[in-house]
Amino acid sequence: WQIGLAKSFYTPLPLPPGTYTVGTGGNFATIQDAFNKLETDGVAGNVILELIDELYTAPTDSFGFKLNGPIPGAGPNSRVTIKPALNENVTIEGNGRYLMTCINTSYMTVDGVSLSGVTTFTFHANKNAQYTWNGCLDFVNNSDHNIVQNINFISDDYYGHGPGPVFETFQGSIAAADSNLIQNNFIKRAGIAIYVGTIPTLLATGNIVRGNFVGSETDSL
């Protein structure tokens, strides 16, 4: 009885500022484990999620790795950054509708560090006709002040609508994705390179798209 009472008063704590490894033998075994912690308990300062495996396979569904925000405690001085570990060429791969979806998620940075070399980050969406499109990274609805940079994006759904980075607003949302920065990414192959969209009743504002590279000598869009 006493153990049960103690558990009932247990309050999970937000992640303290610092770097947390994600992958085999890390602080979190999977990206989804880390996302579950963020959306439930939040952060108490700047947090870095460092990817230590070479390959992460996303769930084959509409969302892939899913973060259902907002992240408690996230703000201008308490950002969440996802990046590869030093000297790791990291790939997230899968064949669902998206590889990673962040809903109502603000103050997140997804940073690949470099487009080439020993430390890189690639999103690779495989073609799967079960879905209307096969996309890479999706920020949905009230997702503001996010940064997506130095990422390699590949969607094999290049004859359809398969996108690289996406900021979109669903019907019924009360807020659009505003004030996001998409820069220095290489969209090697995709049906839609970069999508920043809204609905007629909500105007997305303040988004900046700059310095991205679209297509290659062998993979034109």
N, C-alpha and C. Protein backbone atom coordinates (compact mmCIF):
# COMPACT_ATOMS: atom_id res chain seq x y z
N TRP A 1 0.85 -1.21 0.00
CA TRP A 1 0.00 0.00 0.00
C TRP A 1 0.87 1.25 0.00
N GLN A 2 1.95 1.25 0.77
CA GLN A 2 2.81 2.42 0.83
C GLN A 2 3.52 2.67 -0.49
N ILE A 3 3.94 1.58 -1.18
CA ILE A 3 4.60 1.74 -2.48
C ILE A 3 3.63 2.34 -3.48
N GLY A 4 2.39 1.84 -3.47
CA GLY A 4 1.39 2.39 -4.38
C GLY A 4 1.12 3.86 -4.11
N LEU A 5 1.09 4.24 -2.86
CA LEU A 5 0.85 5.64 -2.50
C LEU A 5 2.00 6.52 -2.98
N ALA A 6 3.22 6.02 -2.80
CA ALA A 6 4.38 6.79 -3.25
C ALA A 6 4.34 7.01 -4.74
N LYS A 7 4.00 5.99 -5.49
CA LYS A 7 3.94 6.11 -6.94
C LYS A 7 2.89 7.12 -7.37
N SER A 8 1.79 7.18 -6.65
CA SER A 8 0.71 8.07 -7.05
C SER A 8 1.10 9.53 -6.91
N PHE A 9 2.12 9.82 -6.07
CA PHE A 9 2.55 11.19 -5.89
C PHE A 9 3.81 11.51 -6.70
N TYR A 10 4.27 10.57 -7.50
CA TYR A 10 5.47 10.79 -8.31
C TYR A 10 5.17 11.74 -9.47
N THR A 11 5.97 12.78 -9.63
CA THR A 11 5.79 13.73 -10.72
C THR A 11 7.01 13.69 -11.63
N PRO A 12 6.88 13.25 -12.88
CA PRO A 12 8.02 13.23 -13.80
C PRO A 12 8.58 14.63 -13.98
N LEU A 13 9.89 14.72 -14.16
CA LEU A 13 10.55 16.00 -14.27
C LEU A 13 10.92 16.30 -15.71
N PRO A 14 10.96 17.58 -16.09
CA PRO A 14 11.43 17.94 -17.43
C PRO A 14 12.91 17.63 -17.59
N LEU A 15 13.35 17.51 -18.83
CA LEU A 15 14.76 17.25 -19.10
C LEU A 15 15.58 18.48 -18.71
N PRO A 16 16.58 18.32 -17.86
CA PRO A 16 17.47 19.44 -17.56
C PRO A 16 18.29 19.83 -18.79
N PRO A 17 18.84 21.04 -18.84
CA PRO A 17 19.68 21.42 -19.96
C PRO A 17 20.84 20.44 -20.13
N GLY A 18 21.17 20.16 -21.40
CA GLY A 18 22.28 19.25 -21.65
C GLY A 18 22.11 18.48 -22.93
N THR A 19 23.03 17.54 -23.16
CA THR A 19 23.04 16.70 -24.36
C THR A 19 22.65 15.28 -23.97
N TYR A 20 21.72 14.71 -24.74
CA TYR A 20 21.24 13.36 -24.49
C TYR A 20 21.38 12.53 -25.76
N THR A 21 21.96 11.36 -25.65
CA THR A 21 22.19 10.50 -26.81
C THR A 21 20.95 9.67 -27.10
N VAL A 22 20.73 9.46 -28.41
CA VAL A 22 19.56 8.70 -28.87
C VAL A 22 20.06 7.59 -29.79
N GLY A 23 19.80 6.35 -29.40
CA GLY A 23 20.23 5.21 -30.21
C GLY A 23 20.71 4.08 -29.33
N THR A 24 21.37 3.11 -29.91
CA THR A 24 21.82 1.92 -29.20
C THR A 24 22.76 2.28 -28.05
N GLY A 25 22.35 1.96 -26.82
CA GLY A 25 23.16 2.26 -25.65
C GLY A 25 23.08 3.70 -25.18
N GLY A 26 22.18 4.51 -25.79
CA GLY A 26 22.09 5.92 -25.45
C GLY A 26 21.13 6.19 -24.31
N ASN A 27 20.94 7.46 -24.00
CA ASN A 27 19.98 7.84 -22.98
C ASN A 27 18.56 7.46 -23.37
N PHE A 28 18.27 7.54 -24.68
CA PHE A 28 16.99 7.08 -25.22
C PHE A 28 17.28 6.06 -26.31
N ALA A 29 16.59 4.93 -26.27
CA ALA A 29 16.87 3.87 -27.23
C ALA A 29 16.43 4.24 -28.64
N THR A 30 15.34 5.01 -28.76
CA THR A 30 14.81 5.36 -30.07
C THR A 30 14.43 6.84 -30.09
N ILE A 31 14.25 7.37 -31.29
CA ILE A 31 13.77 8.74 -31.44
C ILE A 31 12.39 8.88 -30.82
N GLN A 32 11.54 7.86 -30.99
CA GLN A 32 10.19 7.95 -30.42
C GLN A 32 10.24 8.00 -28.91
N ASP A 33 11.16 7.27 -28.29
CA ASP A 33 11.29 7.34 -26.83
C ASP A 33 11.62 8.77 -26.39
N ALA A 34 12.53 9.42 -27.12
CA ALA A 34 12.89 10.79 -26.79
C ALA A 34 11.70 11.73 -26.99
N PHE A 35 10.96 11.54 -28.08
CA PHE A 35 9.79 12.38 -28.34
C PHE A 35 8.72 12.19 -27.27
N ASN A 36 8.52 10.95 -26.84
CA ASN A 36 7.53 10.70 -25.79
C ASN A 36 7.87 11.46 -24.51
N LYS A 37 9.17 11.50 -24.18
CA LYS A 37 9.61 12.24 -23.00
C LYS A 37 9.38 13.73 -23.19
N LEU A 38 9.71 14.25 -24.36
CA LEU A 38 9.56 15.69 -24.61
C LEU A 38 8.11 16.13 -24.52
N GLU A 39 7.22 15.37 -25.15
CA GLU A 39 5.83 15.83 -25.20
C GLU A 39 5.11 15.65 -23.87
N THR A 40 5.61 14.76 -23.03
CA THR A 40 4.97 14.52 -21.73
C THR A 40 5.55 15.41 -20.63
N ASP A 41 6.89 15.47 -20.56
CA ASP A 41 7.54 16.15 -19.43
C ASP A 41 8.22 17.46 -19.81
N GLY A 42 8.57 17.63 -21.09
CA GLY A 42 9.13 18.89 -21.54
C GLY A 42 10.60 19.07 -21.18
N VAL A 43 11.04 20.33 -21.22
CA VAL A 43 12.44 20.66 -21.00
C VAL A 43 12.55 21.81 -20.01
N ALA A 44 13.72 21.91 -19.36
CA ALA A 44 13.98 22.99 -18.41
C ALA A 44 15.14 23.86 -18.87
N GLY A 45 15.40 23.85 -20.18
CA GLY A 45 16.50 24.63 -20.75
C GLY A 45 16.85 24.08 -22.11
N ASN A 46 17.96 24.53 -22.67
CA ASN A 46 18.38 24.04 -23.99
C ASN A 46 18.76 22.57 -23.92
N VAL A 47 18.16 21.78 -24.79
CA VAL A 47 18.38 20.33 -24.81
C VAL A 47 18.83 19.92 -26.21
N ILE A 48 19.87 19.11 -26.28
CA ILE A 48 20.35 18.55 -27.55
C ILE A 48 20.11 17.05 -27.54
N LEU A 49 19.43 16.56 -28.58
CA LEU A 49 19.27 15.13 -28.81
C LEU A 49 20.28 14.73 -29.87
N GLU A 50 21.27 13.96 -29.49
CA GLU A 50 22.37 13.61 -30.36
C GLU A 50 22.16 12.19 -30.88
N LEU A 51 22.05 12.04 -32.20
CA LEU A 51 21.79 10.74 -32.82
C LEU A 51 23.11 10.00 -33.00
N ILE A 52 23.21 8.80 -32.41
CA ILE A 52 24.48 8.08 -32.38
C ILE A 52 24.50 6.84 -33.28
N ASP A 53 23.35 6.45 -33.83
CA ASP A 53 23.31 5.32 -34.77
C ASP A 53 23.39 5.83 -36.20
N GLU A 54 23.83 4.96 -37.11
CA GLU A 54 23.89 5.34 -38.51
C GLU A 54 22.52 5.32 -39.17
N LEU A 55 21.62 4.43 -38.72
CA LEU A 55 20.32 4.27 -39.37
C LEU A 55 19.21 4.20 -38.33
N TYR A 56 18.15 5.00 -38.56
CA TYR A 56 16.93 4.96 -37.76
C TYR A 56 15.78 4.68 -38.72
N THR A 57 15.05 3.61 -38.48
CA THR A 57 13.94 3.24 -39.36
C THR A 57 12.64 3.75 -38.77
N ALA A 58 11.97 4.63 -39.50
CA ALA A 58 10.73 5.25 -39.02
C ALA A 58 9.57 4.27 -39.11
N PRO A 59 8.58 4.39 -38.23
CA PRO A 59 7.38 3.57 -38.33
C PRO A 59 6.68 3.77 -39.68
N THR A 60 6.12 2.70 -40.20
CA THR A 60 5.42 2.78 -41.48
C THR A 60 3.96 3.15 -41.24
N ASP A 61 3.72 4.44 -41.03
CA ASP A 61 2.37 4.93 -40.84
C ASP A 61 2.31 6.36 -41.36
N SER A 62 1.30 7.12 -41.00
CA SER A 62 1.14 8.46 -41.55
C SER A 62 2.12 9.48 -40.95
N PHE A 63 2.67 9.18 -39.78
CA PHE A 63 3.46 10.18 -39.07
C PHE A 63 4.94 9.85 -38.95
N GLY A 64 5.32 8.57 -38.99
CA GLY A 64 6.69 8.19 -38.69
C GLY A 64 6.99 8.46 -37.22
N PHE A 65 8.16 8.99 -36.92
CA PHE A 65 8.44 9.42 -35.56
C PHE A 65 7.59 10.66 -35.28
N LYS A 66 6.74 10.61 -34.25
CA LYS A 66 5.72 11.63 -34.04
C LYS A 66 5.93 12.34 -32.70
N LEU A 67 5.99 13.67 -32.78
CA LEU A 67 6.04 14.50 -31.58
C LEU A 67 4.77 15.35 -31.55
N ASN A 68 3.94 15.11 -30.56
CA ASN A 68 2.66 15.82 -30.46
C ASN A 68 2.83 16.93 -29.42
N GLY A 69 3.22 18.13 -29.91
CA GLY A 69 3.50 19.24 -29.01
C GLY A 69 2.24 19.96 -28.56
N PRO A 70 2.42 21.11 -27.93
CA PRO A 70 3.70 21.79 -27.70
C PRO A 70 4.56 21.12 -26.63
N ILE A 71 5.87 21.34 -26.71
CA ILE A 71 6.80 20.80 -25.73
C ILE A 71 6.75 21.70 -24.49
N PRO A 72 6.35 21.17 -23.34
CA PRO A 72 6.32 22.00 -22.13
C PRO A 72 7.70 22.60 -21.83
N GLY A 73 7.74 23.89 -21.60
CA GLY A 73 8.97 24.56 -21.23
C GLY A 73 9.80 25.07 -22.39
N ALA A 74 9.47 24.67 -23.62
CA ALA A 74 10.25 25.12 -24.78
C ALA A 74 10.02 26.60 -25.03
N GLY A 75 11.09 27.31 -25.42
CA GLY A 75 10.99 28.75 -25.67
C GLY A 75 12.29 29.27 -26.25
N PRO A 76 12.41 30.59 -26.37
CA PRO A 76 13.60 31.18 -26.97
C PRO A 76 14.90 30.79 -26.27
N ASN A 77 14.85 30.56 -24.97
CA ASN A 77 16.04 30.19 -24.21
C ASN A 77 16.03 28.73 -23.79
N SER A 78 15.17 27.95 -24.39
CA SER A 78 15.10 26.52 -24.09
C SER A 78 14.65 25.77 -25.34
N ARG A 79 15.56 25.75 -26.32
CA ARG A 79 15.29 25.09 -27.58
C ARG A 79 15.65 23.60 -27.49
N VAL A 80 15.02 22.82 -28.35
CA VAL A 80 15.37 21.42 -28.52
C VAL A 80 16.06 21.27 -29.87
N THR A 81 17.27 20.72 -29.87
CA THR A 81 18.03 20.52 -31.10
C THR A 81 18.24 19.04 -31.34
N ILE A 82 17.96 18.62 -32.57
CA ILE A 82 18.23 17.24 -33.01
C ILE A 82 19.37 17.30 -34.01
N LYS A 83 20.43 16.53 -33.77
CA LYS A 83 21.60 16.59 -34.63
C LYS A 83 22.34 15.26 -34.60
N PRO A 84 23.14 14.98 -35.63
CA PRO A 84 23.97 13.77 -35.58
C PRO A 84 25.13 13.95 -34.62
N ALA A 85 25.56 12.84 -34.03
CA ALA A 85 26.77 12.89 -33.21
C ALA A 85 27.97 13.17 -34.10
N LEU A 86 29.02 13.68 -33.50
CA LEU A 86 30.24 13.99 -34.24
C LEU A 86 30.78 12.75 -34.94
N ASN A 87 31.14 12.91 -36.20
CA ASN A 87 31.70 11.84 -37.03
C ASN A 87 30.71 10.71 -37.32
N GLU A 88 29.42 11.05 -37.37
CA GLU A 88 28.38 10.07 -37.72
C GLU A 88 27.61 10.56 -38.94
N ASN A 89 27.48 9.69 -39.93
CA ASN A 89 26.60 9.95 -41.08
C ASN A 89 25.27 9.26 -40.79
N VAL A 90 24.32 10.04 -40.31
CA VAL A 90 23.05 9.52 -39.81
C VAL A 90 21.97 9.59 -40.89
N THR A 91 21.18 8.53 -41.00
CA THR A 91 20.04 8.51 -41.93
C THR A 91 18.78 8.07 -41.20
N ILE A 92 17.69 8.80 -41.42
CA ILE A 92 16.36 8.34 -41.04
C ILE A 92 15.68 7.87 -42.32
N GLU A 93 15.22 6.64 -42.31
CA GLU A 93 14.67 6.03 -43.53
C GLU A 93 13.35 5.35 -43.21
N GLY A 94 12.47 5.26 -44.20
CA GLY A 94 11.20 4.58 -44.01
C GLY A 94 10.32 4.74 -45.23
N ASN A 95 9.15 4.14 -45.19
CA ASN A 95 8.26 4.21 -46.34
C ASN A 95 6.81 4.47 -45.92
N GLY A 96 6.66 5.29 -44.88
CA GLY A 96 5.33 5.74 -44.50
C GLY A 96 4.98 7.05 -45.21
N ARG A 97 3.95 7.71 -44.72
CA ARG A 97 3.55 8.99 -45.33
C ARG A 97 4.59 10.07 -45.02
N TYR A 98 5.11 10.06 -43.80
CA TYR A 98 6.22 10.93 -43.42
C TYR A 98 7.20 10.14 -42.56
N LEU A 99 8.46 10.58 -42.55
CA LEU A 99 9.46 9.96 -41.69
C LEU A 99 9.40 10.54 -40.28
N MET A 100 9.10 11.84 -40.16
CA MET A 100 9.03 12.50 -38.87
C MET A 100 7.99 13.61 -38.94
N THR A 101 7.11 13.67 -37.93
CA THR A 101 6.06 14.67 -37.89
C THR A 101 6.06 15.36 -36.53
N CYS A 102 6.12 16.68 -36.55
CA CYS A 102 6.10 17.48 -35.33
C CYS A 102 4.84 18.34 -35.36
N ILE A 103 3.90 18.07 -34.47
CA ILE A 103 2.61 18.73 -34.46
C ILE A 103 2.59 19.78 -33.35
N ASN A 104 2.23 21.02 -33.72
CA ASN A 104 2.20 22.11 -32.73
C ASN A 104 3.51 22.17 -31.94
N THR A 105 4.61 22.05 -32.65
CA THR A 105 5.93 21.99 -32.03
C THR A 105 6.71 23.25 -32.38
N SER A 106 7.17 23.97 -31.37
CA SER A 106 7.90 25.22 -31.58
C SER A 106 9.26 25.16 -30.90
N TYR A 107 10.16 26.03 -31.38
CA TYR A 107 11.49 26.18 -30.82
C TYR A 107 12.30 24.87 -30.90
N MET A 108 12.21 24.23 -32.07
CA MET A 108 13.02 23.05 -32.34
C MET A 108 13.98 23.35 -33.48
N THR A 109 15.20 22.85 -33.39
CA THR A 109 16.19 22.94 -34.45
C THR A 109 16.56 21.54 -34.90
N VAL A 110 16.44 21.29 -36.21
CA VAL A 110 16.91 20.03 -36.79
C VAL A 110 18.12 20.40 -37.65
N ASP A 111 19.29 20.01 -37.21
CA ASP A 111 20.53 20.50 -37.79
C ASP A 111 21.42 19.32 -38.18
N GLY A 112 21.73 19.22 -39.47
CA GLY A 112 22.59 18.15 -39.94
C GLY A 112 24.07 18.45 -39.84
N VAL A 113 24.42 19.64 -39.38
CA VAL A 113 25.80 20.09 -39.18
C VAL A 113 26.48 20.41 -40.51
N SER A 114 26.49 19.45 -41.45
CA SER A 114 27.14 19.65 -42.74
C SER A 114 26.42 18.82 -43.80
N LEU A 115 26.44 19.29 -45.05
CA LEU A 115 25.80 18.54 -46.14
C LEU A 115 26.69 17.42 -46.66
N SER A 116 27.96 17.42 -46.33
CA SER A 116 28.88 16.36 -46.75
C SER A 116 29.98 16.24 -45.71
N GLY A 117 30.75 15.15 -45.82
CA GLY A 117 31.84 14.94 -44.88
C GLY A 117 31.53 13.85 -43.87
N VAL A 118 32.12 13.97 -42.70
CA VAL A 118 32.05 12.88 -41.72
C VAL A 118 30.87 13.02 -40.77
N THR A 119 30.21 14.18 -40.76
CA THR A 119 29.05 14.38 -39.90
C THR A 119 27.91 14.93 -40.75
N THR A 120 26.91 14.08 -41.05
CA THR A 120 25.79 14.49 -41.90
C THR A 120 24.50 13.89 -41.38
N PHE A 121 23.40 14.41 -41.92
CA PHE A 121 22.06 13.95 -41.52
C PHE A 121 21.21 13.89 -42.78
N THR A 122 20.66 12.69 -43.06
CA THR A 122 19.86 12.49 -44.27
C THR A 122 18.49 11.93 -43.91
N PHE A 123 17.44 12.50 -44.52
CA PHE A 123 16.09 11.93 -44.48
C PHE A 123 15.85 11.27 -45.83
N HIS A 124 15.57 9.97 -45.83
CA HIS A 124 15.35 9.24 -47.08
C HIS A 124 14.01 8.52 -47.03
N ALA A 125 13.03 9.06 -47.75
CA ALA A 125 11.69 8.48 -47.82
C ALA A 125 11.59 7.56 -49.03
N ASN A 126 11.32 6.29 -48.78
CA ASN A 126 11.14 5.34 -49.86
C ASN A 126 9.72 5.41 -50.42
N LYS A 127 9.57 5.02 -51.66
CA LYS A 127 8.26 5.03 -52.30
C LYS A 127 7.39 3.91 -51.75
N ASN A 128 6.15 4.25 -51.39
CA ASN A 128 5.16 3.28 -50.93
C ASN A 128 3.80 3.72 -51.45
N ALA A 129 3.27 3.01 -52.42
CA ALA A 129 2.02 3.41 -53.08
C ALA A 129 0.82 3.35 -52.15
N GLN A 130 0.97 2.81 -50.96
CA GLN A 130 -0.12 2.78 -49.99
C GLN A 130 -0.52 4.20 -49.57
N TYR A 131 0.43 5.15 -49.66
CA TYR A 131 0.18 6.51 -49.23
C TYR A 131 0.16 7.45 -50.43
N THR A 132 -0.57 8.58 -50.27
CA THR A 132 -0.67 9.56 -51.35
C THR A 132 0.69 10.12 -51.71
N TRP A 133 1.55 10.29 -50.71
CA TRP A 133 2.93 10.70 -50.95
C TRP A 133 3.80 10.15 -49.84
N ASN A 134 5.08 10.17 -50.09
CA ASN A 134 6.07 9.71 -49.11
C ASN A 134 7.04 10.86 -48.86
N GLY A 135 6.87 11.52 -47.71
CA GLY A 135 7.62 12.72 -47.41
C GLY A 135 8.63 12.53 -46.30
N CYS A 136 9.40 13.57 -46.04
CA CYS A 136 10.52 13.49 -45.11
C CYS A 136 10.18 14.07 -43.73
N LEU A 137 10.18 15.38 -43.59
CA LEU A 137 10.04 16.04 -42.30
C LEU A 137 8.89 17.02 -42.35
N ASP A 138 7.94 16.89 -41.42
CA ASP A 138 6.70 17.67 -41.47
C ASP A 138 6.48 18.39 -40.15
N PHE A 139 6.34 19.72 -40.22
CA PHE A 139 5.89 20.52 -39.07
C PHE A 139 4.45 20.97 -39.35
N VAL A 140 3.55 20.75 -38.39
CA VAL A 140 2.12 20.90 -38.63
C VAL A 140 1.51 21.93 -37.69
N ASN A 141 0.60 22.75 -38.24
CA ASN A 141 -0.24 23.68 -37.48
C ASN A 141 0.58 24.72 -36.72
N ASN A 142 0.36 24.87 -35.43
CA ASN A 142 0.98 25.94 -34.66
C ASN A 142 2.42 25.57 -34.30
N SER A 143 3.26 25.51 -35.32
CA SER A 143 4.68 25.17 -35.15
C SER A 143 5.50 26.39 -35.56
N ASP A 144 6.03 27.10 -34.59
CA ASP A 144 6.68 28.39 -34.82
C ASP A 144 8.14 28.37 -34.35
N HIS A 145 8.94 29.24 -34.97
CA HIS A 145 10.32 29.49 -34.53
C HIS A 145 11.19 28.23 -34.59
N ASN A 146 10.92 27.39 -35.59
CA ASN A 146 11.74 26.20 -35.79
C ASN A 146 12.80 26.47 -36.85
N ILE A 147 13.88 25.71 -36.81
CA ILE A 147 14.97 25.84 -37.77
C ILE A 147 15.26 24.46 -38.36
N VAL A 148 15.30 24.39 -39.69
CA VAL A 148 15.70 23.17 -40.39
C VAL A 148 16.87 23.54 -41.28
N GLN A 149 18.05 22.97 -41.01
CA GLN A 149 19.23 23.40 -41.75
C GLN A 149 20.25 22.27 -41.90
N ASN A 150 21.00 22.35 -42.98
CA ASN A 150 22.12 21.44 -43.25
C ASN A 150 21.68 19.98 -43.35
N ILE A 151 20.49 19.75 -43.89
CA ILE A 151 19.94 18.40 -44.01
C ILE A 151 19.94 17.97 -45.48
N ASN A 152 20.22 16.70 -45.73
CA ASN A 152 20.03 16.10 -47.05
C ASN A 152 18.66 15.43 -47.08
N PHE A 153 17.83 15.84 -48.04
CA PHE A 153 16.48 15.29 -48.16
C PHE A 153 16.37 14.50 -49.47
N ILE A 154 15.83 13.28 -49.36
CA ILE A 154 15.60 12.45 -50.54
C ILE A 154 14.22 11.81 -50.40
N SER A 155 13.34 12.06 -51.37
CA SER A 155 12.07 11.34 -51.46
C SER A 155 12.03 10.61 -52.78
N ASP A 156 11.88 9.29 -52.71
CA ASP A 156 11.80 8.50 -53.94
C ASP A 156 10.44 8.61 -54.62
N ASP A 157 9.53 9.35 -54.00
CA ASP A 157 8.22 9.63 -54.60
C ASP A 157 8.34 10.90 -55.44
N TYR A 158 9.30 10.92 -56.35
CA TYR A 158 9.58 12.14 -57.11
C TYR A 158 8.68 12.30 -58.33
N TYR A 159 7.91 11.29 -58.68
CA TYR A 159 6.91 11.45 -59.73
C TYR A 159 5.56 11.85 -59.16
N GLY A 160 5.46 11.86 -57.85
CA GLY A 160 4.22 12.26 -57.17
C GLY A 160 4.43 13.54 -56.39
N HIS A 161 3.99 13.53 -55.13
CA HIS A 161 4.06 14.73 -54.30
C HIS A 161 5.05 14.60 -53.15
N GLY A 162 5.91 13.60 -53.19
CA GLY A 162 6.82 13.38 -52.08
C GLY A 162 7.70 14.58 -51.79
N PRO A 163 7.56 15.21 -50.60
CA PRO A 163 8.29 16.45 -50.30
C PRO A 163 9.52 16.22 -49.42
N GLY A 164 10.38 17.25 -49.40
CA GLY A 164 11.46 17.31 -48.44
C GLY A 164 10.94 17.90 -47.14
N PRO A 165 11.39 19.10 -46.73
CA PRO A 165 10.84 19.73 -45.53
C PRO A 165 9.48 20.38 -45.80
N VAL A 166 8.57 20.24 -44.83
CA VAL A 166 7.20 20.72 -44.99
C VAL A 166 6.78 21.49 -43.74
N PHE A 167 6.13 22.64 -43.94
CA PHE A 167 5.45 23.37 -42.88
C PHE A 167 4.03 23.60 -43.38
N GLU A 168 3.05 22.97 -42.75
CA GLU A 168 1.70 23.00 -43.29
C GLU A 168 0.66 23.23 -42.19
N THR A 169 -0.53 23.62 -42.63
CA THR A 169 -1.64 23.89 -41.74
C THR A 169 -2.83 23.05 -42.16
N PHE A 170 -3.40 22.31 -41.22
CA PHE A 170 -4.57 21.49 -41.50
C PHE A 170 -5.85 22.30 -41.30
N GLN A 171 -6.87 21.91 -42.03
CA GLN A 171 -8.18 22.50 -41.81
C GLN A 171 -8.61 22.28 -40.36
N GLY A 172 -9.15 23.32 -39.75
CA GLY A 172 -9.58 23.23 -38.37
C GLY A 172 -8.56 23.72 -37.37
N SER A 173 -7.32 23.95 -37.83
CA SER A 173 -6.30 24.47 -36.92
C SER A 173 -6.62 25.91 -36.54
N ILE A 174 -6.17 26.31 -35.35
CA ILE A 174 -6.39 27.69 -34.90
C ILE A 174 -5.16 28.57 -35.16
N ALA A 175 -4.06 27.98 -35.63
CA ALA A 175 -2.85 28.77 -35.89
C ALA A 175 -2.01 28.09 -36.96
N ALA A 176 -1.31 28.91 -37.76
CA ALA A 176 -0.44 28.41 -38.81
C ALA A 176 1.00 28.34 -38.31
N ALA A 177 1.86 27.75 -39.15
CA ALA A 177 3.29 27.65 -38.83
C ALA A 177 3.98 28.95 -39.23
N ASP A 178 4.43 29.71 -38.25
CA ASP A 178 5.00 31.04 -38.48
C ASP A 178 6.46 31.11 -38.05
N SER A 179 7.19 32.05 -38.68
CA SER A 179 8.53 32.45 -38.24
C SER A 179 9.51 31.28 -38.16
N ASN A 180 9.43 30.41 -39.16
CA ASN A 180 10.36 29.29 -39.25
C ASN A 180 11.47 29.60 -40.26
N LEU A 181 12.61 28.95 -40.10
CA LEU A 181 13.76 29.17 -40.95
C LEU A 181 14.18 27.86 -41.60
N ILE A 182 14.22 27.84 -42.94
CA ILE A 182 14.64 26.66 -43.70
C ILE A 182 15.83 27.08 -44.55
N GLN A 183 17.03 26.61 -44.19
CA GLN A 183 18.21 27.12 -44.87
C GLN A 183 19.29 26.06 -45.05
N ASN A 184 20.04 26.23 -46.14
CA ASN A 184 21.23 25.43 -46.43
C ASN A 184 20.94 23.93 -46.42
N ASN A 185 19.78 23.53 -46.95
CA ASN A 185 19.46 22.12 -47.11
C ASN A 185 19.68 21.70 -48.56
N PHE A 186 19.96 20.43 -48.77
CA PHE A 186 20.10 19.87 -50.11
C PHE A 186 18.95 18.91 -50.36
N ILE A 187 18.00 19.34 -51.20
CA ILE A 187 16.89 18.47 -51.57
C ILE A 187 17.32 17.77 -52.86
N LYS A 188 17.89 16.61 -52.70
CA LYS A 188 18.48 15.90 -53.83
C LYS A 188 17.42 15.39 -54.79
N ARG A 189 16.34 14.83 -54.22
CA ARG A 189 15.32 14.20 -55.06
C ARG A 189 13.99 14.29 -54.33
N ALA A 190 12.95 14.76 -55.02
CA ALA A 190 11.63 14.91 -54.39
C ALA A 190 10.60 15.29 -55.44
N GLY A 191 9.33 15.07 -55.13
CA GLY A 191 8.26 15.56 -55.98
C GLY A 191 8.00 17.04 -55.74
N ILE A 192 8.05 17.46 -54.47
CA ILE A 192 7.98 18.86 -54.06
C ILE A 192 9.21 19.11 -53.21
N ALA A 193 10.04 20.07 -53.60
CA ALA A 193 11.30 20.29 -52.89
C ALA A 193 11.06 20.80 -51.48
N ILE A 194 10.41 21.95 -51.35
CA ILE A 194 10.13 22.58 -50.06
C ILE A 194 8.69 23.06 -50.09
N TYR A 195 7.94 22.73 -49.06
CA TYR A 195 6.53 23.13 -49.01
C TYR A 195 6.28 23.96 -47.75
N VAL A 196 5.85 25.19 -47.95
CA VAL A 196 5.40 26.04 -46.84
C VAL A 196 3.99 26.48 -47.20
N GLY A 197 3.00 25.90 -46.54
CA GLY A 197 1.62 26.11 -46.96
C GLY A 197 0.71 26.53 -45.84
N THR A 198 -0.46 26.98 -46.23
CA THR A 198 -1.44 27.45 -45.26
C THR A 198 -2.83 27.16 -45.80
N ILE A 199 -3.85 27.63 -45.11
CA ILE A 199 -5.22 27.52 -45.57
C ILE A 199 -5.79 28.93 -45.68
N PRO A 200 -6.87 29.13 -46.45
CA PRO A 200 -7.36 30.50 -46.68
C PRO A 200 -7.69 31.28 -45.42
N THR A 201 -8.10 30.60 -44.37
CA THR A 201 -8.50 31.32 -43.15
C THR A 201 -7.33 31.63 -42.22
N LEU A 202 -6.14 31.09 -42.52
CA LEU A 202 -4.97 31.32 -41.67
C LEU A 202 -3.77 31.63 -42.56
N LEU A 203 -3.21 32.81 -42.41
CA LEU A 203 -2.06 33.20 -43.20
C LEU A 203 -0.78 32.93 -42.40
N ALA A 204 0.09 32.09 -42.94
CA ALA A 204 1.39 31.86 -42.32
C ALA A 204 2.30 33.05 -42.61
N THR A 205 3.00 33.54 -41.61
CA THR A 205 3.82 34.73 -41.78
C THR A 205 5.22 34.51 -41.21
N GLY A 206 6.16 35.28 -41.73
CA GLY A 206 7.50 35.32 -41.15
C GLY A 206 8.40 34.16 -41.46
N ASN A 207 7.99 33.25 -42.33
CA ASN A 207 8.84 32.11 -42.67
C ASN A 207 9.91 32.53 -43.67
N ILE A 208 11.12 32.02 -43.49
CA ILE A 208 12.25 32.36 -44.34
C ILE A 208 12.80 31.08 -44.97
N VAL A 209 12.91 31.09 -46.30
CA VAL A 209 13.51 29.97 -47.04
C VAL A 209 14.68 30.54 -47.83
N ARG A 210 15.90 30.10 -47.52
CA ARG A 210 17.06 30.71 -48.18
C ARG A 210 18.23 29.73 -48.28
N GLY A 211 19.01 29.90 -49.34
CA GLY A 211 20.27 29.18 -49.48
C GLY A 211 20.16 27.68 -49.58
N ASN A 212 19.02 27.17 -50.07
CA ASN A 212 18.86 25.73 -50.22
C ASN A 212 19.27 25.29 -51.63
N PHE A 213 19.64 24.02 -51.76
CA PHE A 213 20.05 23.47 -53.05
C PHE A 213 19.04 22.42 -53.48
N VAL A 214 18.56 22.56 -54.72
CA VAL A 214 17.49 21.69 -55.20
C VAL A 214 17.95 20.95 -56.44
N GLY A 215 17.91 19.62 -56.38
CA GLY A 215 18.30 18.79 -57.52
C GLY A 215 19.80 18.66 -57.64
N SER A 216 20.22 17.71 -58.48
CA SER A 216 21.63 17.48 -58.74
C SER A 216 21.82 17.17 -60.23
N GLU A 217 23.05 16.89 -60.62
CA GLU A 217 23.32 16.59 -62.02
C GLU A 217 22.55 15.37 -62.49
N THR A 218 22.28 14.44 -61.57
CA THR A 218 21.61 13.19 -61.96
C THR A 218 20.21 13.07 -61.39
N ASP A 219 19.78 14.00 -60.56
CA ASP A 219 18.47 13.93 -59.93
C ASP A 219 17.77 15.27 -60.05
N SER A 220 17.31 15.59 -61.26
CA SER A 220 16.62 16.85 -61.45
C SER A 220 15.20 16.75 -60.91
N LEU A 221 14.61 17.89 -60.57
CA LEU A 221 13.23 17.93 -60.05
C LEU A 221 12.34 18.60 -61.09
